Amino acid sequence: SCAASGSIFRVNDMGWYRQAPGKQRELVATSTRGGYTNY
């Protein structure tokens, strides 16, 4: 889970990335505000 807090007017795209030891960060999944997803 990931919760955004603070002074927020609107949250647009959200997503998850991961980085294994010795490797580059990679995209895992993204979601637009309207619910369109990419994996």
Full PDB file with SEQRES, HELIX, SHEET, SSBOND, CRYST1, ORIGX, SCALE, CONECT and MASTER records, all heavy atoms in Angstrom:
SEQRES   1 A   39  SER CYS ALA ALA SER GLY SER ILE PHE ARG VAL ASN ASP          
SEQRES   2 A   39  MET GLY TRP TYR ARG GLN ALA PRO GLY LYS GLN ARG GLU          
SEQRES   3 A   39  LEU VAL ALA THR SER THR ARG GLY GLY TYR THR ASN TYR          
SHEET    1 AA1 3 MET A  14  ARG A  18  0                                        
SHEET    2 AA1 3 GLU A  26  SER A  31 -1                                        
SHEET    3 AA1 3 THR A  37  ASN A  38 -1                                        
CRYST1    1.000    1.000    1.000  90.00  90.00  90.00 P 1           1          
ORIGX1      1.000000  0.000000  0.000000        0.00000                         
ORIGX2      0.000000  1.000000  0.000000        0.00000                         
ORIGX3      0.000000  0.000000  1.000000        0.00000                         
SCALE1      1.000000  0.000000  0.000000        0.00000                         
SCALE2      0.000000  1.000000  0.000000        0.00000                         
SCALE3      0.000000  0.000000  1.000000        0.00000                         
ATOM      1  N   SER A   1       0.834  -1.181   0.000  1.00  0.00           N  
ATOM      2  CA  SER A   1       0.000   0.000   0.000  1.00  0.00           C  
ATOM      3  C   SER A   1       0.872   1.236   0.000  1.00  0.00           C  
ATOM      4  O   SER A   1       1.966   1.239   0.565  1.00  0.00           O  
ATOM      5  CB  SER A   1      -0.919   0.028   1.229  1.00  0.00           C  
ATOM      6  OG  SER A   1      -1.784  -1.084   1.256  1.00  0.00           O  
ATOM      7  N   CYS A   2       0.380   2.288  -0.618  1.00  0.00           N  
ATOM      8  CA  CYS A   2       1.089   3.560  -0.640  1.00  0.00           C  
ATOM      9  C   CYS A   2       0.067   4.677  -0.556  1.00  0.00           C  
ATOM     10  O   CYS A   2      -0.751   4.837  -1.469  1.00  0.00           O  
ATOM     11  CB  CYS A   2       1.933   3.693  -1.903  1.00  0.00           C  
ATOM     12  SG  CYS A   2       2.714   5.309  -2.099  1.00  0.00           S  
ATOM     13  N   ALA A   3       0.128   5.438   0.512  1.00  0.00           N  
ATOM     14  CA  ALA A   3      -0.806   6.530   0.731  1.00  0.00           C  
ATOM     15  C   ALA A   3      -0.103   7.874   0.611  1.00  0.00           C  
ATOM     16  O   ALA A   3       0.911   8.111   1.277  1.00  0.00           O  
ATOM     17  CB  ALA A   3      -1.457   6.401   2.103  1.00  0.00           C  
ATOM     18  N   ALA A   4      -0.645   8.732  -0.217  1.00  0.00           N  
ATOM     19  CA  ALA A   4      -0.129  10.084  -0.357  1.00  0.00           C  
ATOM     20  C   ALA A   4      -0.854  11.001   0.620  1.00  0.00           C  
ATOM     21  O   ALA A   4      -2.078  10.951   0.739  1.00  0.00           O  
ATOM     22  CB  ALA A   4      -0.308  10.584  -1.787  1.00  0.00           C  
ATOM     23  N   SER A   5      -0.102  11.829   1.309  1.00  0.00           N  
ATOM     24  CA  SER A   5      -0.693  12.743   2.271  1.00  0.00           C  
ATOM     25  C   SER A   5       0.013  14.087   2.217  1.00  0.00           C  
ATOM     26  O   SER A   5       1.080  14.220   1.627  1.00  0.00           O  
ATOM     27  CB  SER A   5      -0.621  12.174   3.692  1.00  0.00           C  
ATOM     28  OG  SER A   5       0.727  11.992   4.097  1.00  0.00           O  
ATOM     29  N   GLY A   6      -0.583  15.075   2.872  1.00  0.00           N  
ATOM     30  CA  GLY A   6      -0.037  16.413   2.887  1.00  0.00           C  
ATOM     31  C   GLY A   6      -0.900  17.367   2.094  1.00  0.00           C  
ATOM     32  O   GLY A   6      -2.103  17.168   1.949  1.00  0.00           O  
ATOM     33  N   SER A   7      -0.272  18.402   1.583  1.00  0.00           N  
ATOM     34  CA  SER A   7      -0.985  19.410   0.802  1.00  0.00           C  
ATOM     35  C   SER A   7      -1.156  18.909  -0.622  1.00  0.00           C  
ATOM     36  O   SER A   7      -0.277  19.063  -1.471  1.00  0.00           O  
ATOM     37  CB  SER A   7      -0.227  20.734   0.826  1.00  0.00           C  
ATOM     38  OG  SER A   7      -0.088  21.238   2.139  1.00  0.00           O  
ATOM     39  N   ILE A   8      -2.298  18.288  -0.878  1.00  0.00           N  
ATOM     40  CA  ILE A   8      -2.577  17.680  -2.171  1.00  0.00           C  
ATOM     41  C   ILE A   8      -3.851  18.241  -2.757  1.00  0.00           C  
ATOM     42  O   ILE A   8      -4.893  18.249  -2.098  1.00  0.00           O  
ATOM     43  CB  ILE A   8      -2.697  16.150  -2.045  1.00  0.00           C  
ATOM     44  CG1 ILE A   8      -1.379  15.540  -1.578  1.00  0.00           C  
ATOM     45  CG2 ILE A   8      -3.130  15.544  -3.377  1.00  0.00           C  
ATOM     46  CD1 ILE A   8      -1.454  14.064  -1.301  1.00  0.00           C  
ATOM     47  N   PHE A   9      -3.748  18.685  -3.979  1.00  0.00           N  
ATOM     48  CA  PHE A   9      -4.924  19.119  -4.708  1.00  0.00           C  
ATOM     49  C   PHE A   9      -5.511  17.957  -5.517  1.00  0.00           C  
ATOM     50  O   PHE A   9      -6.717  17.730  -5.497  1.00  0.00           O  
ATOM     51  CB  PHE A   9      -4.597  20.304  -5.624  1.00  0.00           C  
ATOM     52  CG  PHE A   9      -5.769  20.785  -6.433  1.00  0.00           C  
ATOM     53  CD1 PHE A   9      -6.798  21.485  -5.830  1.00  0.00           C  
ATOM     54  CD2 PHE A   9      -5.846  20.534  -7.794  1.00  0.00           C  
ATOM     55  CE1 PHE A   9      -7.890  21.938  -6.556  1.00  0.00           C  
ATOM     56  CE2 PHE A   9      -6.925  20.982  -8.541  1.00  0.00           C  
ATOM     57  CZ  PHE A   9      -7.949  21.685  -7.923  1.00  0.00           C  
ATOM     58  N   ARG A  10      -4.632  17.222  -6.206  1.00  0.00           N  
ATOM     59  CA  ARG A  10      -5.072  16.076  -6.987  1.00  0.00           C  
ATOM     60  C   ARG A  10      -3.888  15.156  -7.264  1.00  0.00           C  
ATOM     61  O   ARG A  10      -2.773  15.605  -7.497  1.00  0.00           O  
ATOM     62  CB  ARG A  10      -5.692  16.519  -8.319  1.00  0.00           C  
ATOM     63  CG  ARG A  10      -6.323  15.374  -9.110  1.00  0.00           C  
ATOM     64  CD  ARG A  10      -6.932  15.851 -10.423  1.00  0.00           C  
ATOM     65  NE  ARG A  10      -5.917  16.277 -11.383  1.00  0.00           N  
ATOM     66  CZ  ARG A  10      -5.725  17.522 -11.750  1.00  0.00           C  
ATOM     67  NH1 ARG A  10      -6.478  18.500 -11.252  1.00  0.00           N  
ATOM     68  NH2 ARG A  10      -4.771  17.813 -12.630  1.00  0.00           N  
ATOM     69  N   VAL A  11      -4.143  13.859  -7.225  1.00  0.00           N  
ATOM     70  CA  VAL A  11      -3.143  12.860  -7.579  1.00  0.00           C  
ATOM     71  C   VAL A  11      -3.453  12.332  -8.973  1.00  0.00           C  
ATOM     72  O   VAL A  11      -4.549  11.823  -9.213  1.00  0.00           O  
ATOM     73  CB  VAL A  11      -3.119  11.698  -6.575  1.00  0.00           C  
ATOM     74  CG1 VAL A  11      -2.073  10.661  -6.986  1.00  0.00           C  
ATOM     75  CG2 VAL A  11      -2.836  12.213  -5.174  1.00  0.00           C  
ATOM     76  N   ASN A  12      -2.494  12.451  -9.867  1.00  0.00           N  
ATOM     77  CA  ASN A  12      -2.684  11.956 -11.223  1.00  0.00           C  
ATOM     78  C   ASN A  12      -2.223  10.493 -11.297  1.00  0.00           C  
ATOM     79  O   ASN A  12      -2.726   9.657 -10.572  1.00  0.00           O  
ATOM     80  CB  ASN A  12      -1.941  12.845 -12.216  1.00  0.00           C  
ATOM     81  CG  ASN A  12      -2.511  14.254 -12.252  1.00  0.00           C  
ATOM     82  OD1 ASN A  12      -3.716  14.446 -12.123  1.00  0.00           O  
ATOM     83  ND2 ASN A  12      -1.649  15.245 -12.444  1.00  0.00           N  
ATOM     84  N   ASP A  13      -1.261  10.195 -12.173  1.00  0.00           N  
ATOM     85  CA  ASP A  13      -0.790   8.821 -12.302  1.00  0.00           C  
ATOM     86  C   ASP A  13      -0.082   8.348 -11.035  1.00  0.00           C  
ATOM     87  O   ASP A  13       0.608   9.119 -10.362  1.00  0.00           O  
ATOM     88  CB  ASP A  13       0.154   8.684 -13.485  1.00  0.00           C  
ATOM     89  CG  ASP A  13      -0.525   8.919 -14.823  1.00  0.00           C  
ATOM     90  OD1 ASP A  13      -1.751   9.111 -14.844  1.00  0.00           O  
ATOM     91  OD2 ASP A  13       0.180   8.901 -15.855  1.00  0.00           O  
ATOM     92  N   MET A  14      -0.234   7.078 -10.720  1.00  0.00           N  
ATOM     93  CA  MET A  14       0.487   6.445  -9.629  1.00  0.00           C  
ATOM     94  C   MET A  14       1.068   5.134 -10.142  1.00  0.00           C  
ATOM     95  O   MET A  14       0.546   4.549 -11.088  1.00  0.00           O  
ATOM     96  CB  MET A  14      -0.417   6.181  -8.429  1.00  0.00           C  
ATOM     97  CG  MET A  14      -1.103   7.412  -7.872  1.00  0.00           C  
ATOM     98  SD  MET A  14      -2.009   7.091  -6.324  1.00  0.00           S  
ATOM     99  CE  MET A  14      -0.647   7.127  -5.141  1.00  0.00           C  
ATOM    100  N   GLY A  15       2.131   4.689  -9.501  1.00  0.00           N  
ATOM    101  CA  GLY A  15       2.728   3.453  -9.953  1.00  0.00           C  
ATOM    102  C   GLY A  15       3.717   2.874  -8.968  1.00  0.00           C  
ATOM    103  O   GLY A  15       4.001   3.459  -7.925  1.00  0.00           O  
ATOM    104  N   TRP A  16       4.209   1.700  -9.329  1.00  0.00           N  
ATOM    105  CA  TRP A  16       5.201   0.993  -8.533  1.00  0.00           C  
ATOM    106  C   TRP A  16       6.419   0.675  -9.380  1.00  0.00           C  
ATOM    107  O   TRP A  16       6.293   0.256 -10.536  1.00  0.00           O  
ATOM    108  CB  TRP A  16       4.622  -0.310  -7.973  1.00  0.00           C  
ATOM    109  CG  TRP A  16       3.542  -0.104  -6.958  1.00  0.00           C  
ATOM    110  CD1 TRP A  16       2.209  -0.048  -7.169  1.00  0.00           C  
ATOM    111  CD2 TRP A  16       3.731   0.068  -5.554  1.00  0.00           C  
ATOM    112  NE1 TRP A  16       1.535   0.150  -5.997  1.00  0.00           N  
ATOM    113  CE2 TRP A  16       2.440   0.227  -4.983  1.00  0.00           C  
ATOM    114  CE3 TRP A  16       4.848   0.106  -4.724  1.00  0.00           C  
ATOM    115  CZ2 TRP A  16       2.258   0.417  -3.617  1.00  0.00           C  
ATOM    116  CZ3 TRP A  16       4.658   0.299  -3.366  1.00  0.00           C  
ATOM    117  CH2 TRP A  16       3.384   0.449  -2.831  1.00  0.00           C  
ATOM    118  N   TYR A  17       7.583   0.873  -8.786  1.00  0.00           N  
ATOM    119  CA  TYR A  17       8.861   0.519  -9.377  1.00  0.00           C  
ATOM    120  C   TYR A  17       9.616  -0.350  -8.395  1.00  0.00           C  
ATOM    121  O   TYR A  17       9.318  -0.363  -7.200  1.00  0.00           O  
ATOM    122  CB  TYR A  17       9.675   1.772  -9.708  1.00  0.00           C  
ATOM    123  CG  TYR A  17       9.062   2.652 -10.776  1.00  0.00           C  
ATOM    124  CD1 TYR A  17       7.953   3.445 -10.502  1.00  0.00           C  
ATOM    125  CD2 TYR A  17       9.595   2.683 -12.062  1.00  0.00           C  
ATOM    126  CE1 TYR A  17       7.383   4.248 -11.475  1.00  0.00           C  
ATOM    127  CE2 TYR A  17       9.038   3.487 -13.042  1.00  0.00           C  
ATOM    128  CZ  TYR A  17       7.933   4.268 -12.742  1.00  0.00           C  
ATOM    129  OH  TYR A  17       7.384   5.060 -13.718  1.00  0.00           O  
ATOM    130  N   ARG A  18      10.603  -1.078  -8.890  1.00  0.00           N  
ATOM    131  CA  ARG A  18      11.411  -1.896  -7.996  1.00  0.00           C  
ATOM    132  C   ARG A  18      12.861  -1.892  -8.453  1.00  0.00           C  
ATOM    133  O   ARG A  18      13.160  -1.690  -9.623  1.00  0.00           O  
ATOM    134  CB  ARG A  18      10.881  -3.327  -7.922  1.00  0.00           C  
ATOM    135  CG  ARG A  18      11.014  -4.134  -9.207  1.00  0.00           C  
ATOM    136  CD  ARG A  18      10.327  -5.485  -9.062  1.00  0.00           C  
ATOM    137  NE  ARG A  18      10.481  -6.312 -10.249  1.00  0.00           N  
ATOM    138  CZ  ARG A  18       9.888  -7.482 -10.419  1.00  0.00           C  
ATOM    139  NH1 ARG A  18       9.102  -7.977  -9.468  1.00  0.00           N  
ATOM    140  NH2 ARG A  18      10.085  -8.173 -11.531  1.00  0.00           N  
ATOM    141  N   GLN A  19      13.744  -2.133  -7.498  1.00  0.00           N  
ATOM    142  CA  GLN A  19      15.166  -2.184  -7.786  1.00  0.00           C  
ATOM    143  C   GLN A  19      15.808  -3.301  -6.982  1.00  0.00           C  
ATOM    144  O   GLN A  19      15.784  -3.284  -5.754  1.00  0.00           O  
ATOM    145  CB  GLN A  19      15.844  -0.846  -7.460  1.00  0.00           C  
ATOM    146  CG  GLN A  19      17.296  -0.779  -7.878  1.00  0.00           C  
ATOM    147  CD  GLN A  19      17.844   0.633  -7.820  1.00  0.00           C  
ATOM    148  OE1 GLN A  19      17.318   1.484  -7.104  1.00  0.00           O  
ATOM    149  NE2 GLN A  19      18.891   0.897  -8.583  1.00  0.00           N  
ATOM    150  N   ALA A  20      16.360  -4.270  -7.686  1.00  0.00           N  
ATOM    151  CA  ALA A  20      17.082  -5.365  -7.068  1.00  0.00           C  
ATOM    152  C   ALA A  20      18.539  -4.972  -6.909  1.00  0.00           C  
ATOM    153  O   ALA A  20      19.041  -4.104  -7.636  1.00  0.00           O  
ATOM    154  CB  ALA A  20      16.957  -6.627  -7.911  1.00  0.00           C  
ATOM    155  N   PRO A  21      19.257  -5.592  -5.971  1.00  0.00           N  
ATOM    156  CA  PRO A  21      20.665  -5.261  -5.768  1.00  0.00           C  
ATOM    157  C   PRO A  21      21.475  -5.399  -7.042  1.00  0.00           C  
ATOM    158  O   PRO A  21      21.408  -6.416  -7.727  1.00  0.00           O  
ATOM    159  CB  PRO A  21      21.115  -6.280  -4.714  1.00  0.00           C  
ATOM    160  CG  PRO A  21      19.878  -6.612  -3.964  1.00  0.00           C  
ATOM    161  CD  PRO A  21      18.787  -6.599  -5.004  1.00  0.00           C  
ATOM    162  N   GLY A  22      22.237  -4.365  -7.372  1.00  0.00           N  
ATOM    163  CA  GLY A  22      23.092  -4.389  -8.541  1.00  0.00           C  
ATOM    164  C   GLY A  22      22.381  -4.213  -9.863  1.00  0.00           C  
ATOM    165  O   GLY A  22      23.015  -4.325 -10.914  1.00  0.00           O  
ATOM    166  N   LYS A  23      21.080  -3.941  -9.828  1.00  0.00           N  
ATOM    167  CA  LYS A  23      20.325  -3.784 -11.057  1.00  0.00           C  
ATOM    168  C   LYS A  23      19.663  -2.415 -11.124  1.00  0.00           C  
ATOM    169  O   LYS A  23      19.541  -1.714 -10.121  1.00  0.00           O  
ATOM    170  CB  LYS A  23      19.266  -4.879 -11.188  1.00  0.00           C  
ATOM    171  CG  LYS A  23      19.834  -6.278 -11.355  1.00  0.00           C  
ATOM    172  CD  LYS A  23      18.749  -7.270 -11.697  1.00  0.00           C  
ATOM    173  CE  LYS A  23      19.326  -8.641 -11.984  1.00  0.00           C  
ATOM    174  NZ  LYS A  23      18.265  -9.605 -12.367  1.00  0.00           N  
ATOM    175  N   GLN A  24      19.243  -2.046 -12.327  1.00  0.00           N  
ATOM    176  CA  GLN A  24      18.557  -0.778 -12.526  1.00  0.00           C  
ATOM    177  C   GLN A  24      17.126  -0.840 -12.007  1.00  0.00           C  
ATOM    178  O   GLN A  24      16.518  -1.909 -11.938  1.00  0.00           O  
ATOM    179  CB  GLN A  24      18.541  -0.410 -14.011  1.00  0.00           C  
ATOM    180  CG  GLN A  24      19.898  -0.072 -14.599  1.00  0.00           C  
ATOM    181  CD  GLN A  24      19.805   0.339 -16.046  1.00  0.00           C  
ATOM    182  OE1 GLN A  24      19.189  -0.351 -16.861  1.00  0.00           O  
ATOM    183  NE2 GLN A  24      20.393   1.475 -16.377  1.00  0.00           N  
ATOM    184  N   ARG A  25      16.615   0.316 -11.649  1.00  0.00           N  
ATOM    185  CA  ARG A  25      15.215   0.413 -11.271  1.00  0.00           C  
ATOM    186  C   ARG A  25      14.342   0.133 -12.483  1.00  0.00           C  
ATOM    187  O   ARG A  25      14.624   0.605 -13.589  1.00  0.00           O  
ATOM    188  CB  ARG A  25      14.917   1.804 -10.715  1.00  0.00           C  
ATOM    189  CG  ARG A  25      13.490   2.001 -10.235  1.00  0.00           C  
ATOM    190  CD  ARG A  25      13.254   3.443  -9.823  1.00  0.00           C  
ATOM    191  NE  ARG A  25      13.380   4.344 -10.952  1.00  0.00           N  
ATOM    192  CZ  ARG A  25      13.309   5.667 -10.870  1.00  0.00           C  
ATOM    193  NH1 ARG A  25      13.123   6.253  -9.691  1.00  0.00           N  
ATOM    194  NH2 ARG A  25      13.432   6.405 -11.968  1.00  0.00           N  
ATOM    195  N   GLU A  26      13.281  -0.619 -12.282  1.00  0.00           N  
ATOM    196  CA  GLU A  26      12.394  -0.956 -13.370  1.00  0.00           C  
ATOM    197  C   GLU A  26      10.941  -0.693 -12.991  1.00  0.00           C  
ATOM    198  O   GLU A  26      10.552  -0.782 -11.826  1.00  0.00           O  
ATOM    199  CB  GLU A  26      12.554  -2.426 -13.780  1.00  0.00           C  
ATOM    200  CG  GLU A  26      12.151  -3.428 -12.711  1.00  0.00           C  
ATOM    201  CD  GLU A  26      12.196  -4.866 -13.196  1.00  0.00           C  
ATOM    202  OE1 GLU A  26      12.381  -5.085 -14.407  1.00  0.00           O  
ATOM    203  OE2 GLU A  26      12.038  -5.776 -12.358  1.00  0.00           O  
ATOM    204  N   LEU A  27      10.165  -0.383 -13.994  1.00  0.00           N  
ATOM    205  CA  LEU A  27       8.742  -0.173 -13.796  1.00  0.00           C  
ATOM    206  C   LEU A  27       8.057  -1.508 -13.551  1.00  0.00           C  
ATOM    207  O   LEU A  27       8.334  -2.494 -14.237  1.00  0.00           O  
ATOM    208  CB  LEU A  27       8.132   0.523 -15.013  1.00  0.00           C  
ATOM    209  CG  LEU A  27       6.650   0.886 -14.948  1.00  0.00           C  
ATOM    210  CD1 LEU A  27       6.399   2.169 -15.733  1.00  0.00           C  
ATOM    211  CD2 LEU A  27       5.790  -0.238 -15.513  1.00  0.00           C  
ATOM    212  N   VAL A  28       7.169  -1.538 -12.570  1.00  0.00           N  
ATOM    213  CA  VAL A  28       6.390  -2.733 -12.272  1.00  0.00           C  
ATOM    214  C   VAL A  28       4.973  -2.581 -12.805  1.00  0.00           C  
ATOM    215  O   VAL A  28       4.488  -3.424 -13.553  1.00  0.00           O  
ATOM    216  CB  VAL A  28       6.358  -3.029 -10.767  1.00  0.00           C  
ATOM    217  CG1 VAL A  28       5.487  -4.253 -10.481  1.00  0.00           C  
ATOM    218  CG2 VAL A  28       7.770  -3.243 -10.238  1.00  0.00           C  
ATOM    219  N   ALA A  29       4.306  -1.519 -12.397  1.00  0.00           N  
ATOM    220  CA  ALA A  29       2.934  -1.286 -12.822  1.00  0.00           C  
ATOM    221  C   ALA A  29       2.576   0.177 -12.617  1.00  0.00           C  
ATOM    222  O   ALA A  29       3.087   0.826 -11.710  1.00  0.00           O  
ATOM    223  CB  ALA A  29       1.956  -2.175 -12.045  1.00  0.00           C  
ATOM    224  N   THR A  30       1.690   0.682 -13.460  1.00  0.00           N  
ATOM    225  CA  THR A  30       1.205   2.049 -13.326  1.00  0.00           C  
ATOM    226  C   THR A  30      -0.303   2.078 -13.492  1.00  0.00           C  
ATOM    227  O   THR A  30      -0.897   1.180 -14.087  1.00  0.00           O  
ATOM    228  CB  THR A  30       1.836   3.003 -14.362  1.00  0.00           C  
ATOM    229  OG1 THR A  30       1.524   2.554 -15.683  1.00  0.00           O  
ATOM    230  CG2 THR A  30       3.344   3.065 -14.187  1.00  0.00           C  
ATOM    231  N   SER A  31      -0.897   3.135 -12.966  1.00  0.00           N  
ATOM    232  CA  SER A  31      -2.334   3.326 -13.073  1.00  0.00           C  
ATOM    233  C   SER A  31      -2.646   4.806 -13.198  1.00  0.00           C  
ATOM    234  O   SER A  31      -2.147   5.621 -12.421  1.00  0.00           O  
ATOM    235  CB  SER A  31      -3.045   2.744 -11.844  1.00  0.00           C  
ATOM    236  OG  SER A  31      -4.436   2.991 -11.900  1.00  0.00           O  
ATOM    237  N   THR A  32      -3.470   5.157 -14.172  1.00  0.00           N  
ATOM    238  CA  THR A  32      -3.938   6.530 -14.286  1.00  0.00           C  
ATOM    239  C   THR A  32      -5.038   6.778 -13.271  1.00  0.00           C  
ATOM    240  O   THR A  32      -5.561   5.850 -12.650  1.00  0.00           O  
ATOM    241  CB  THR A  32      -4.464   6.823 -15.694  1.00  0.00           C  
ATOM    242  OG1 THR A  32      -5.681   6.091 -15.909  1.00  0.00           O  
ATOM    243  CG2 THR A  32      -3.448   6.446 -16.758  1.00  0.00           C  
ATOM    244  N   ARG A  33      -5.398   8.032 -13.106  1.00  0.00           N  
ATOM    245  CA  ARG A  33      -6.462   8.369 -12.172  1.00  0.00           C  
ATOM    246  C   ARG A  33      -7.770   7.694 -12.565  1.00  0.00           C  
ATOM    247  O   ARG A  33      -8.574   7.323 -11.700  1.00  0.00           O  
ATOM    248  CB  ARG A  33      -6.652   9.880 -12.115  1.00  0.00           C  
ATOM    249  CG  ARG A  33      -7.706  10.329 -11.119  1.00  0.00           C  
ATOM    250  CD  ARG A  33      -7.772  11.839 -10.988  1.00  0.00           C  
ATOM    251  NE  ARG A  33      -8.793  12.231 -10.031  1.00  0.00           N  
ATOM    252  CZ  ARG A  33      -8.607  12.294  -8.731  1.00  0.00           C  
ATOM    253  NH1 ARG A  33      -7.418  11.998  -8.204  1.00  0.00           N  
ATOM    254  NH2 ARG A  33      -9.598  12.656  -7.932  1.00  0.00           N  
ATOM    255  N   GLY A  34      -7.975   7.524 -13.861  1.00  0.00           N  
ATOM    256  CA  GLY A  34      -9.179   6.884 -14.342  1.00  0.00           C  
ATOM    257  C   GLY A  34      -9.152   5.371 -14.308  1.00  0.00           C  
ATOM    258  O   GLY A  34     -10.144   4.734 -14.672  1.00  0.00           O  
ATOM    259  N   GLY A  35      -8.014   4.787 -13.900  1.00  0.00           N  
ATOM    260  CA  GLY A  35      -7.954   3.348 -13.738  1.00  0.00           C  
ATOM    261  C   GLY A  35      -7.324   2.574 -14.883  1.00  0.00           C  
ATOM    262  O   GLY A  35      -7.332   1.335 -14.861  1.00  0.00           O  
ATOM    263  N   TYR A  36      -6.778   3.250 -15.873  1.00  0.00           N  
ATOM    264  CA  TYR A  36      -6.058   2.546 -16.928  1.00  0.00           C  
ATOM    265  C   TYR A  36      -4.733   2.053 -16.382  1.00  0.00           C  
ATOM    266  O   TYR A  36      -3.985   2.807 -15.766  1.00  0.00           O  
ATOM    267  CB  TYR A  36      -5.832   3.450 -18.135  1.00  0.00           C  
ATOM    268  CG  TYR A  36      -7.102   3.827 -18.840  1.00  0.00           C  
ATOM    269  CD1 TYR A  36      -7.717   5.052 -18.603  1.00  0.00           C  
ATOM    270  CD2 TYR A  36      -7.697   2.954 -19.758  1.00  0.00           C  
ATOM    271  CE1 TYR A  36      -8.897   5.392 -19.241  1.00  0.00           C  
ATOM    272  CE2 TYR A  36      -8.873   3.294 -20.396  1.00  0.00           C  
ATOM    273  CZ  TYR A  36      -9.466   4.518 -20.142  1.00  0.00           C  
ATOM    274  OH  TYR A  36     -10.638   4.851 -20.788  1.00  0.00           O  
ATOM    275  N   THR A  37      -4.418   0.792 -16.618  1.00  0.00           N  
ATOM    276  CA  THR A  37      -3.247   0.168 -16.017  1.00  0.00           C  
ATOM    277  C   THR A  37      -2.263  -0.331 -17.053  1.00  0.00           C  
ATOM    278  O   THR A  37      -2.617  -0.612 -18.196  1.00  0.00           O  
ATOM    279  CB  THR A  37      -3.650  -1.005 -15.117  1.00  0.00           C  
ATOM    280  OG1 THR A  37      -4.376  -1.972 -15.890  1.00  0.00           O  
ATOM    281  CG2 THR A  37      -4.530  -0.514 -13.975  1.00  0.00           C  
ATOM    282  N   ASN A  38      -1.018  -0.462 -16.618  1.00  0.00           N  
ATOM    283  CA  ASN A  38       0.057  -0.976 -17.452  1.00  0.00           C  
ATOM    284  C   ASN A  38       0.985  -1.796 -16.572  1.00  0.00           C  
ATOM    285  O   ASN A  38       1.286  -1.402 -15.443  1.00  0.00           O  
ATOM    286  CB  ASN A  38       0.823   0.166 -18.117  1.00  0.00           C  
ATOM    287  CG  ASN A  38       1.913  -0.333 -19.042  1.00  0.00           C  
ATOM    288  OD1 ASN A  38       1.663  -1.117 -19.948  1.00  0.00           O  
ATOM    289  ND2 ASN A  38       3.141   0.128 -18.814  1.00  0.00           N  
ATOM    290  N   TYR A  39       1.443  -2.948 -17.087  1.00  0.00           N  
ATOM    291  CA  TYR A  39       2.289  -3.847 -16.317  1.00  0.00           C  
ATOM    292  C   TYR A  39       3.536  -4.236 -17.079  1.00  0.00           C  
ATOM    293  O   TYR A  39       3.524  -4.358 -18.306  1.00  0.00           O  
ATOM    294  CB  TYR A  39       1.537  -5.131 -15.965  1.00  0.00           C  
ATOM    295  CG  TYR A  39       0.329  -4.939 -15.091  1.00  0.00           C  
ATOM    296  CD1 TYR A  39      -0.929  -4.737 -15.646  1.00  0.00           C  
ATOM    297  CD2 TYR A  39       0.444  -4.973 -13.708  1.00  0.00           C  
ATOM    298  CE1 TYR A  39      -2.044  -4.567 -14.844  1.00  0.00           C  
ATOM    299  CE2 TYR A  39      -0.664  -4.808 -12.901  1.00  0.00           C  
ATOM    300  CZ  TYR A  39      -1.906  -4.601 -13.472  1.00  0.00           C  
ATOM    301  OH  TYR A  39      -3.013  -4.433 -12.666  1.00  0.00           O  
TER     302      TYR A  39                                                      
MASTER        0    0    0    0    3    0    0    6  301    1    0    3          
END                                                                             
